[in-house]
Amino acid sequence: MRLTISDLGKIEKCELEINDLTILVGDNNSGKTYVTYMTYGALKNWSDFIDNRSFKTIEESIIKDGQVLLSTNEIIELMEKSTLQESPSFQRRIRNLFNDKEKIFSDAQVKVEFTKPNLFKDATREIKIGEKNSLVGKMANSILSFTYTRGSDKEFEATILRRLIGDLFASLVFDEIFPDPFIITAERLGISLFYKELDERKNSMIDAIQKLDEEEGDFHHINLIMASSAYYATPIRDHIAFTRKLDEIKKNSTLLDVSEPFEIIKEMLGAEFKKESKQDIRLYTKNKKNNKFDIPLYLASSSARCIVDIYFYLKHISKAGDILIIDEPESHLTLKNQRLMAKLIASIINIGIKVFITTHSDFLIKELNNLILLSNNFKGKDEWLERNKKNYKSSDFLRPTQVSVYQAINGNLSNLNVTNKGIEVPFFDTEIQNLFSISTDLDYLTD
């Protein structure tokens, strides 16, 4: 999938293609986070790019006959007709996405392009309309059927039925194309530290509202809510919401095999996470050799607080086809753990989840390069893996075709080269060379 973004703060115009691993590098204040948030917003609200007016013919036929069948070619043709590269609905959503109260991003735009499949996954979806009416969409052997059952004489507005048909079509046809995004923002350290206080403030606010409502009959709840709204962008609010809902989320379990990512997380922290009902998130270890402990998250190291959301996302809601977006995954990690983070990212990709990151870490990139090198077949590879089996497995690899890297520079995104030898990042290499050059000169002069 390709995104074209324009007039977004520092970003004048740029293009990027979502790959299994998409990496943004660049200087501070170069627009990386803007691009990241826009990408998250477009993926989260991809239905904005579906034009429901395209389903008018189906709506008319289904009212008349009760059922419509679409062949594979007809599905593809309808996909072409119903998709918008530029969406007025999403355009209006951008200000809320960034919580842009000053209309700074009023001219920002995004264009979405994607490859249309020829085969579709079998699935059935049903929408209940009232108590007796229902609309069922069924995909089987790349044939799509819509069935409208009327249990009453009540007629629905054509525009409502058309939108429901569009929603069913989108969920059955486009859902596999657009990955579900989950974002871990750069603010995660504060979110993990203050999430309990946020809940306490929420409960206090509810109590205050109820008390004021009892005392003043004309009190408007919306006034307090609007007055207390924070200047947070939607990705940050969504990240906070995930952390606050962990008691509810932990009832679910992923169907993916996340044992390898968990082993890497355990190696990074020397401990594990747990979340028990009505208790804090805790970091614990049963290993007496590693100073057995069981402590609340707010007493844990900053590295633990920066990784906790990855752990609970993988454990409870991750699924194949998702995209995990992490702003600066190396944050608060030692150089050793930055290398392990590269392996963690690769392990997540290898269980079927795409990863999108921004980074300032040369160590993270260099370890990703090692994993790309391991994707090659070369003489002595088995012997090398045997000698380094404590650090690498045969499954620790990334193919260069899986990786796309962009540098934010001069209001654009420059597409960096990725080969079977790894990723070339001149932005990092130049600074490292300058640093060594200065160090060499000073060392020589002091001698």
Protein backbone atom coordinates (compact mmCIF):
# COMPACT_ATOMS: atom_id res chain seq x y z
CA MET A 1 0.00 0.00 0.00
CA ARG A 2 1.30 3.44 -0.94
CA LEU A 3 0.58 6.72 0.85
CA THR A 4 1.16 10.17 -0.61
CA ILE A 5 1.16 12.91 2.04
CA SER A 6 1.34 16.65 1.38
CA ASP A 7 1.25 19.97 3.27
CA LEU A 8 1.74 18.33 6.65
CA GLY A 9 3.89 20.64 8.75
CA LYS A 10 7.53 20.13 7.74
CA ILE A 11 6.44 17.64 5.08
CA GLU A 12 5.72 19.39 1.78
CA LYS A 13 5.09 16.19 -0.17
CA CYS A 14 6.25 12.61 0.28
CA GLU A 15 5.47 9.06 -0.75
CA LEU A 16 5.99 5.88 1.22
CA GLU A 17 5.07 2.27 0.68
CA ILE A 18 4.08 0.07 3.62
CA ASN A 19 6.29 -3.02 3.77
CA ASP A 20 6.70 -5.83 6.30
CA LEU A 21 9.16 -3.49 8.01
CA THR A 22 8.91 0.24 7.29
CA ILE A 23 11.53 2.49 8.88
CA LEU A 24 11.62 6.29 9.11
CA VAL A 25 14.89 8.01 9.99
CA GLY A 26 15.83 11.67 9.99
CA ASP A 27 16.81 14.65 12.07
CA ASN A 28 14.75 15.92 14.99
CA ASN A 29 11.80 18.05 13.91
CA SER A 30 11.96 16.72 10.35
CA GLY A 31 8.35 15.44 10.22
CA LYS A 32 8.75 11.74 11.08
CA THR A 33 6.10 11.74 13.80
CA TYR A 34 3.67 13.68 11.57
CA VAL A 35 4.06 11.03 8.85
CA THR A 36 3.68 8.26 11.45
CA TYR A 37 0.47 9.71 12.87
CA MET A 38 -0.97 10.34 9.41
CA THR A 39 -0.22 6.74 8.42
CA TYR A 40 -1.90 5.48 11.60
CA GLY A 41 -4.93 7.70 10.98
CA ALA A 42 -5.35 6.60 7.36
CA LEU A 43 -5.14 2.90 8.30
CA LYS A 44 -7.46 3.27 11.27
CA ASN A 45 -10.06 5.14 9.19
CA TRP A 46 -9.57 3.40 5.84
CA SER A 47 -13.35 3.15 5.37
CA ASP A 48 -13.28 6.93 4.76
CA PHE A 49 -11.77 6.05 1.39
CA ILE A 50 -14.82 3.97 0.36
CA ASP A 51 -17.46 5.84 -1.66
CA ASN A 52 -20.86 4.47 -0.64
CA ARG A 53 -22.52 6.10 -3.65
CA SER A 54 -21.00 3.29 -5.73
CA PHE A 55 -23.37 0.78 -4.12
CA LYS A 56 -26.57 2.39 -5.41
CA THR A 57 -27.16 -0.31 -8.07
CA ILE A 58 -26.75 -3.10 -5.50
CA GLU A 59 -29.06 -1.28 -3.10
CA GLU A 60 -31.78 -0.99 -5.78
CA SER A 61 -31.43 -4.66 -6.78
CA ILE A 62 -31.49 -5.95 -3.23
CA ILE A 63 -34.66 -4.01 -2.41
CA LYS A 64 -36.28 -5.46 -5.51
CA ASP A 65 -35.04 -9.09 -5.40
CA GLY A 66 -33.77 -9.59 -1.84
CA GLN A 67 -30.41 -10.96 -3.02
CA VAL A 68 -27.45 -9.97 -5.21
CA LEU A 69 -24.53 -12.12 -6.41
CA LEU A 70 -21.21 -10.68 -7.57
CA SER A 71 -18.58 -12.63 -9.49
CA THR A 72 -14.85 -12.11 -8.90
CA ASN A 73 -14.59 -9.75 -11.87
CA GLU A 74 -17.61 -7.78 -10.66
CA ILE A 75 -16.07 -7.50 -7.17
CA ILE A 76 -12.83 -6.13 -8.63
CA GLU A 77 -14.76 -3.72 -10.85
CA LEU A 78 -16.74 -2.50 -7.83
CA MET A 79 -13.52 -2.10 -5.87
CA GLU A 80 -12.24 0.19 -8.61
CA LYS A 81 -15.44 2.25 -8.58
CA SER A 82 -15.86 2.48 -4.83
CA THR A 83 -12.34 3.49 -3.73
CA LEU A 84 -11.26 7.09 -3.34
CA GLN A 85 -7.59 7.97 -3.54
CA GLU A 86 -8.40 11.24 -1.79
CA SER A 87 -11.20 11.32 0.78
CA PRO A 88 -13.10 14.47 1.80
CA SER A 89 -14.23 12.58 4.94
CA PHE A 90 -10.66 11.85 5.98
CA GLN A 91 -9.60 15.38 5.05
CA ARG A 92 -12.08 16.67 7.64
CA ARG A 93 -10.79 14.12 10.15
CA ILE A 94 -7.14 15.28 10.00
CA ARG A 95 -7.59 18.18 12.43
CA ASN A 96 -9.04 15.82 15.05
CA LEU A 97 -6.31 13.27 14.33
CA PHE A 98 -3.68 15.79 15.40
CA ASN A 99 -5.99 17.68 17.80
CA ASP A 100 -5.15 20.70 15.67
CA LYS A 101 -7.09 23.49 17.36
CA GLU A 102 -5.19 26.19 15.45
CA LYS A 103 -5.90 24.80 11.95
CA ILE A 104 -2.19 24.41 11.26
CA PHE A 105 -2.86 21.28 9.18
CA SER A 106 -5.96 22.59 7.40
CA ASP A 107 -4.33 22.04 3.97
CA ALA A 108 -2.86 18.60 4.75
CA GLN A 109 -3.88 15.79 2.41
CA VAL A 110 -3.25 12.09 2.02
CA LYS A 111 -3.74 9.86 -0.99
CA VAL A 112 -4.04 6.07 -0.59
CA GLU A 113 -3.25 3.50 -3.30
CA PHE A 114 -3.23 -0.27 -2.91
CA THR A 115 -2.93 -3.43 -4.96
CA LYS A 116 -6.28 -5.09 -5.56
CA PRO A 117 -6.36 -8.87 -4.99
CA ASN A 118 -7.82 -11.50 -7.31
CA LEU A 119 -8.75 -13.91 -4.52
CA PHE A 120 -10.75 -13.21 -1.38
CA LYS A 121 -10.95 -14.94 1.98
CA ASP A 122 -14.18 -16.83 2.73
CA ALA A 123 -16.20 -15.04 5.42
CA THR A 124 -19.75 -14.16 6.46
CA ARG A 125 -20.94 -10.93 8.08
CA GLU A 126 -24.43 -10.03 9.30
CA ILE A 127 -25.91 -6.66 10.20
CA LYS A 128 -29.13 -6.59 12.23
CA ILE A 129 -31.47 -3.76 11.26
CA GLY A 130 -33.91 -3.40 14.12
CA GLU A 131 -35.37 -6.55 15.65
CA LYS A 132 -36.56 -8.34 12.51
CA ASN A 133 -34.58 -7.11 9.49
CA SER A 134 -31.09 -8.25 8.58
CA LEU A 135 -28.49 -7.81 5.86
CA VAL A 136 -26.04 -10.69 5.30
CA GLY A 137 -22.88 -10.56 3.19
CA LYS A 138 -21.12 -13.82 2.35
CA MET A 139 -17.84 -14.38 0.50
CA ALA A 140 -17.35 -17.95 -0.72
CA ASN A 141 -14.92 -19.07 -3.44
CA SER A 142 -14.42 -15.40 -4.40
CA ILE A 143 -18.15 -15.00 -5.05
CA LEU A 144 -19.90 -12.33 -2.97
CA SER A 145 -23.58 -12.49 -2.08
CA PHE A 146 -25.82 -9.99 -0.30
CA THR A 147 -29.10 -11.16 1.20
CA TYR A 148 -31.65 -8.75 2.65
CA THR A 149 -34.29 -10.28 4.94
CA ARG A 150 -37.29 -8.17 5.85
CA GLY A 151 -39.22 -9.35 8.88
CA SER A 152 -41.42 -6.26 8.89
CA ASP A 153 -43.01 -3.90 6.41
CA LYS A 154 -40.90 -0.99 7.62
CA GLU A 155 -38.78 0.48 4.83
CA PHE A 156 -35.39 2.01 5.48
CA GLU A 157 -33.99 5.05 3.75
CA ALA A 158 -32.04 4.08 0.64
CA THR A 159 -28.96 5.97 1.85
CA ILE A 160 -28.92 4.00 5.13
CA LEU A 161 -29.22 0.64 3.35
CA ARG A 162 -26.58 1.73 0.84
CA ARG A 163 -24.17 2.59 3.64
CA LEU A 164 -24.78 -0.77 5.32
CA ILE A 165 -24.08 -2.53 2.02
CA GLY A 166 -20.90 -0.47 1.73
CA ASP A 167 -19.87 -1.44 5.26
CA LEU A 168 -20.41 -5.14 4.51
CA PHE A 169 -18.57 -4.91 1.20
CA ALA A 170 -15.66 -3.13 2.89
CA SER A 171 -15.40 -5.65 5.73
CA LEU A 172 -15.50 -8.65 3.36
CA VAL A 173 -13.30 -7.26 0.59
CA PHE A 174 -11.02 -4.55 1.99
CA ASP A 175 -10.48 -5.79 5.54
CA GLU A 176 -7.72 -8.15 4.40
CA ILE A 177 -6.03 -5.36 2.41
CA PHE A 178 -5.79 -2.70 5.11
CA PRO A 179 -3.83 -3.88 8.17
CA ASP A 180 -5.30 -3.04 11.58
CA PRO A 181 -2.92 -0.55 13.21
CA PHE A 182 -1.77 -0.58 16.82
CA ILE A 183 0.40 2.34 17.90
CA ILE A 184 2.92 2.74 20.72
CA THR A 185 3.82 6.41 20.94
CA ALA A 186 6.95 8.16 22.19
CA GLU A 187 4.90 9.20 25.24
CA ARG A 188 4.70 5.58 26.45
CA LEU A 189 7.02 6.15 29.40
CA GLY A 190 4.62 8.68 30.92
CA ILE A 191 1.53 6.69 29.97
CA SER A 192 2.82 3.55 31.69
CA LEU A 193 3.77 5.57 34.77
CA PHE A 194 0.57 7.58 35.17
CA TYR A 195 -2.12 5.25 33.78
CA LYS A 196 -3.47 4.45 37.26
CA GLU A 197 -3.62 8.14 38.15
CA LEU A 198 -5.54 8.76 34.90
CA ASP A 199 -8.13 6.21 36.02
CA GLU A 200 -8.36 7.82 39.45
CA ARG A 201 -8.86 11.24 37.85
CA LYS A 202 -11.53 9.77 35.57
CA ASN A 203 -13.40 8.32 38.54
CA SER A 204 -13.10 11.62 40.42
CA MET A 205 -14.51 13.45 37.41
CA ILE A 206 -17.48 11.07 37.21
CA ASP A 207 -18.16 11.56 40.93
CA ALA A 208 -17.95 15.34 40.49
CA ILE A 209 -20.33 15.28 37.54
CA GLN A 210 -22.87 13.18 39.43
CA LYS A 211 -22.67 15.46 42.47
CA LEU A 212 -23.03 18.65 40.41
CA ASP A 213 -25.87 17.08 38.45
CA GLU A 214 -27.74 16.41 41.69
CA GLU A 215 -27.14 19.92 43.01
CA GLU A 216 -27.75 21.83 39.76
CA GLY A 217 -30.47 20.53 37.49
CA ASP A 218 -29.29 22.61 34.53
CA PHE A 219 -25.65 21.47 34.72
CA HIS A 220 -24.31 20.35 31.33
CA HIS A 221 -21.83 17.43 31.41
CA ILE A 222 -20.40 18.40 28.06
CA ASN A 223 -19.07 21.71 29.43
CA LEU A 224 -16.80 19.97 31.93
CA ILE A 225 -15.69 17.36 29.41
CA MET A 226 -14.81 19.97 26.79
CA ALA A 227 -13.05 22.18 29.32
CA SER A 228 -10.88 19.33 30.56
CA SER A 229 -9.96 17.87 27.16
CA ALA A 230 -6.18 17.57 26.84
CA TYR A 231 -4.09 18.60 23.86
CA TYR A 232 -3.42 15.03 22.77
CA ALA A 233 -3.38 13.71 19.23
CA THR A 234 -5.60 10.69 18.49
CA PRO A 235 -2.69 8.18 18.46
CA ILE A 236 -1.72 9.26 21.99
CA ARG A 237 -5.35 9.08 23.17
CA ASP A 238 -5.67 5.60 21.65
CA HIS A 239 -2.46 4.53 23.35
CA ILE A 240 -3.75 5.80 26.71
CA ALA A 241 -7.09 4.03 26.12
CA PHE A 242 -5.32 0.70 25.51
CA THR A 243 -3.34 0.98 28.75
CA ARG A 244 -6.43 1.90 30.76
CA LYS A 245 -8.45 -1.00 29.32
CA LEU A 246 -5.96 -3.74 30.13
CA ASP A 247 -8.29 -5.32 32.70
CA GLU A 248 -10.82 -5.79 29.91
CA ILE A 249 -8.31 -6.62 27.17
CA LYS A 250 -6.53 -9.31 29.17
CA LYS A 251 -9.62 -11.51 28.89
CA ASN A 252 -8.61 -12.11 25.25
CA SER A 253 -5.70 -14.22 24.01
CA THR A 254 -3.92 -14.01 20.68
CA LEU A 255 -4.05 -16.99 18.32
CA LEU A 256 -0.48 -16.33 17.19
CA ASP A 257 2.56 -18.16 18.53
CA VAL A 258 4.25 -15.32 20.42
CA SER A 259 6.70 -17.51 22.33
CA GLU A 260 9.74 -16.24 20.41
CA PRO A 261 9.00 -12.51 20.92
CA PHE A 262 8.32 -13.23 24.62
CA GLU A 263 11.66 -15.01 25.02
CA ILE A 264 13.41 -11.94 23.60
CA ILE A 265 11.48 -9.59 25.91
CA LYS A 266 12.38 -11.80 28.87
CA GLU A 267 16.05 -11.69 27.81
CA MET A 268 15.91 -7.88 27.57
CA LEU A 269 14.37 -7.37 31.01
CA GLY A 270 15.41 -10.47 32.94
CA ALA A 271 11.77 -10.62 34.04
CA GLU A 272 8.15 -10.91 32.89
CA PHE A 273 4.93 -8.87 33.14
CA LYS A 274 1.61 -9.77 34.69
CA LYS A 275 -1.72 -8.02 35.08
CA GLU A 276 -4.09 -9.46 37.66
CA SER A 277 -7.64 -8.31 38.26
CA LYS A 278 -7.90 -5.02 40.20
CA GLN A 279 -4.11 -4.89 40.59
CA ASP A 280 -1.33 -2.88 39.02
CA ILE A 281 0.74 -4.17 36.16
CA ARG A 282 3.68 -5.91 37.80
CA LEU A 283 7.16 -6.93 36.74
CA TYR A 284 8.37 -10.16 38.30
CA THR A 285 10.88 -12.99 38.16
CA LYS A 286 10.91 -16.34 39.91
CA ASN A 287 14.62 -16.85 39.30
CA LYS A 288 16.43 -16.63 42.64
CA LYS A 289 19.79 -16.23 40.91
CA ASN A 290 18.52 -12.99 39.38
CA ASN A 291 17.34 -11.55 42.70
CA LYS A 292 13.75 -12.81 42.73
CA PHE A 293 11.33 -9.87 42.81
CA ASP A 294 7.72 -8.86 42.16
CA ILE A 295 7.19 -5.10 41.87
CA PRO A 296 4.57 -2.70 40.46
CA LEU A 297 5.34 -1.21 37.06
CA TYR A 298 5.81 2.31 38.40
CA LEU A 299 8.83 1.05 40.41
CA ALA A 300 10.30 -0.78 37.42
CA SER A 301 13.05 0.56 35.17
CA SER A 302 12.25 2.90 32.30
CA SER A 303 13.17 0.13 29.84
CA ALA A 304 10.43 -2.11 31.30
CA ARG A 305 7.89 0.70 31.07
CA CYS A 306 8.84 1.29 27.43
CA ILE A 307 8.29 -2.36 26.46
CA VAL A 308 5.18 -3.22 28.50
CA ASP A 309 2.70 -2.21 25.77
CA ILE A 310 4.41 -4.39 23.17
CA TYR A 311 4.09 -7.33 25.57
CA PHE A 312 0.39 -6.90 26.30
CA TYR A 313 -0.46 -6.12 22.66
CA LEU A 314 1.23 -9.35 21.54
CA LYS A 315 -0.32 -11.41 24.33
CA HIS A 316 -3.91 -10.29 24.06
CA ILE A 317 -4.95 -8.63 20.79
CA SER A 318 -2.33 -9.24 18.10
CA LYS A 319 -3.37 -11.06 14.94
CA ALA A 320 -1.85 -11.90 11.59
CA GLY A 321 -2.04 -9.00 9.16
CA ASP A 322 -1.83 -6.25 11.83
CA ILE A 323 0.67 -3.41 11.69
CA LEU A 324 2.49 -2.49 14.91
CA ILE A 325 3.65 1.14 14.88
CA ILE A 326 6.38 2.09 17.38
CA ASP A 327 7.82 5.58 17.73
CA GLU A 328 11.52 5.23 18.63
CA PRO A 329 11.55 1.59 19.85
CA GLU A 330 15.13 2.08 21.13
CA SER A 331 13.99 4.62 23.72
CA HIS A 332 15.61 4.06 27.17
CA LEU A 333 17.34 0.86 26.04
CA THR A 334 21.02 0.00 26.48
CA LEU A 335 23.06 -0.75 23.35
CA LYS A 336 22.68 -4.49 24.04
CA ASN A 337 18.91 -4.16 24.33
CA GLN A 338 18.73 -2.02 21.20
CA ARG A 339 20.22 -4.99 19.35
CA LEU A 340 17.69 -7.28 21.02
CA MET A 341 14.93 -4.86 19.98
CA ALA A 342 16.00 -5.43 16.36
CA LYS A 343 15.58 -9.18 16.91
CA LEU A 344 12.22 -8.59 18.62
CA ILE A 345 11.02 -6.59 15.60
CA ALA A 346 12.14 -9.38 13.24
CA SER A 347 10.41 -12.03 15.38
CA ILE A 348 7.16 -10.03 15.29
CA ILE A 349 7.38 -9.74 11.49
CA ASN A 350 8.03 -13.47 11.22
CA ILE A 351 4.74 -14.31 12.97
CA GLY A 352 2.78 -12.29 10.39
CA ILE A 353 2.61 -8.74 11.80
CA LYS A 354 3.95 -5.75 9.89
CA VAL A 355 6.08 -3.25 11.83
CA PHE A 356 6.44 0.50 11.25
CA ILE A 357 9.07 2.39 13.27
CA THR A 358 10.83 5.72 13.56
CA THR A 359 14.36 5.55 14.91
CA HIS A 360 17.50 7.54 15.72
CA SER A 361 19.48 4.41 16.60
CA ASP A 362 22.45 3.38 14.47
CA PHE A 363 22.81 0.27 16.66
CA LEU A 364 19.25 -0.82 15.89
CA ILE A 365 19.86 -0.37 12.15
CA LYS A 366 23.18 -2.21 12.27
CA GLU A 367 21.60 -5.22 14.01
CA LEU A 368 18.77 -5.23 11.46
CA ASN A 369 21.53 -5.31 8.84
CA ASN A 370 22.96 -8.43 10.50
CA LEU A 371 19.53 -10.08 10.26
CA ILE A 372 19.31 -9.13 6.58
CA LEU A 373 22.77 -10.64 6.02
CA LEU A 374 21.52 -13.86 7.69
CA SER A 375 18.80 -14.15 5.02
CA ASN A 376 21.54 -14.91 2.46
CA ASN A 377 22.73 -18.41 1.66
CA PHE A 378 26.50 -18.47 2.03
CA LYS A 379 29.26 -20.97 2.59
CA GLY A 380 29.84 -21.65 6.27
CA LYS A 381 26.45 -20.28 7.40
CA ASP A 382 25.54 -23.40 9.40
CA GLU A 383 28.92 -23.41 11.15
CA TRP A 384 28.61 -19.69 11.93
CA LEU A 385 25.13 -20.18 13.42
CA GLU A 386 26.44 -23.05 15.54
CA ARG A 387 29.27 -20.87 16.90
CA ASN A 388 26.84 -18.03 17.63
CA LYS A 389 23.83 -20.07 18.74
CA LYS A 390 23.57 -18.16 22.02
CA ASN A 391 22.75 -14.98 20.09
CA TYR A 392 21.20 -16.04 16.77
CA LYS A 393 18.91 -18.70 15.37
CA SER A 394 18.28 -19.75 11.79
CA SER A 395 14.88 -18.02 12.09
CA ASP A 396 16.52 -14.66 12.98
CA PHE A 397 16.48 -13.09 9.55
CA LEU A 398 14.85 -10.46 7.37
CA ARG A 399 14.83 -10.51 3.59
CA PRO A 400 15.83 -7.17 2.01
CA THR A 401 12.59 -7.17 0.00
CA GLN A 402 10.68 -7.05 3.31
CA VAL A 403 12.27 -3.76 4.35
CA SER A 404 11.61 -0.18 3.22
CA VAL A 405 13.57 2.74 4.71
CA TYR A 406 12.88 6.46 4.31
CA GLN A 407 14.77 9.52 5.49
CA ALA A 408 12.80 12.66 6.29
CA ILE A 409 14.79 15.51 4.75
CA ASN A 410 14.03 18.86 3.11
CA GLY A 411 10.26 18.44 3.41
CA ASN A 412 10.27 15.06 1.70
CA LEU A 413 10.95 11.37 2.31
CA SER A 414 14.03 10.03 0.55
CA ASN A 415 13.83 6.29 -0.22
CA LEU A 416 17.05 4.68 1.06
CA ASN A 417 18.71 1.67 -0.49
CA VAL A 418 18.21 -1.81 0.99
CA THR A 419 20.27 -4.67 -0.45
CA ASN A 420 21.23 -8.19 0.61
CA LYS A 421 24.07 -6.49 2.56
CA GLY A 422 21.65 -4.38 4.58
CA ILE A 423 20.36 -0.82 4.88
CA GLU A 424 22.38 2.19 3.79
CA VAL A 425 21.72 5.21 6.04
CA PRO A 426 24.05 8.10 5.06
CA PHE A 427 22.34 10.22 7.73
CA PHE A 428 23.90 8.03 10.46
CA ASP A 429 27.14 7.20 8.66
CA THR A 430 28.09 10.86 8.10
CA GLU A 431 27.68 11.77 11.76
CA ILE A 432 29.61 8.68 12.91
CA GLN A 433 32.47 9.48 10.50
CA ASN A 434 32.53 13.09 11.74
CA LEU A 435 32.64 11.90 15.34
CA PHE A 436 35.55 9.50 14.69
CA SER A 437 37.39 12.11 12.66
CA ILE A 438 37.20 14.64 15.50
CA SER A 439 38.18 11.98 18.03
CA THR A 440 41.20 10.96 15.93
CA ASP A 441 42.35 14.57 15.54
CA LEU A 442 42.02 15.31 19.25
CA ASP A 443 43.77 12.05 20.19
CA TYR A 444 46.67 12.90 17.84
CA LEU A 445 46.98 16.46 19.17
CA THR A 446 46.99 15.36 22.81
CA ASP A 447 49.89 12.99 22.03
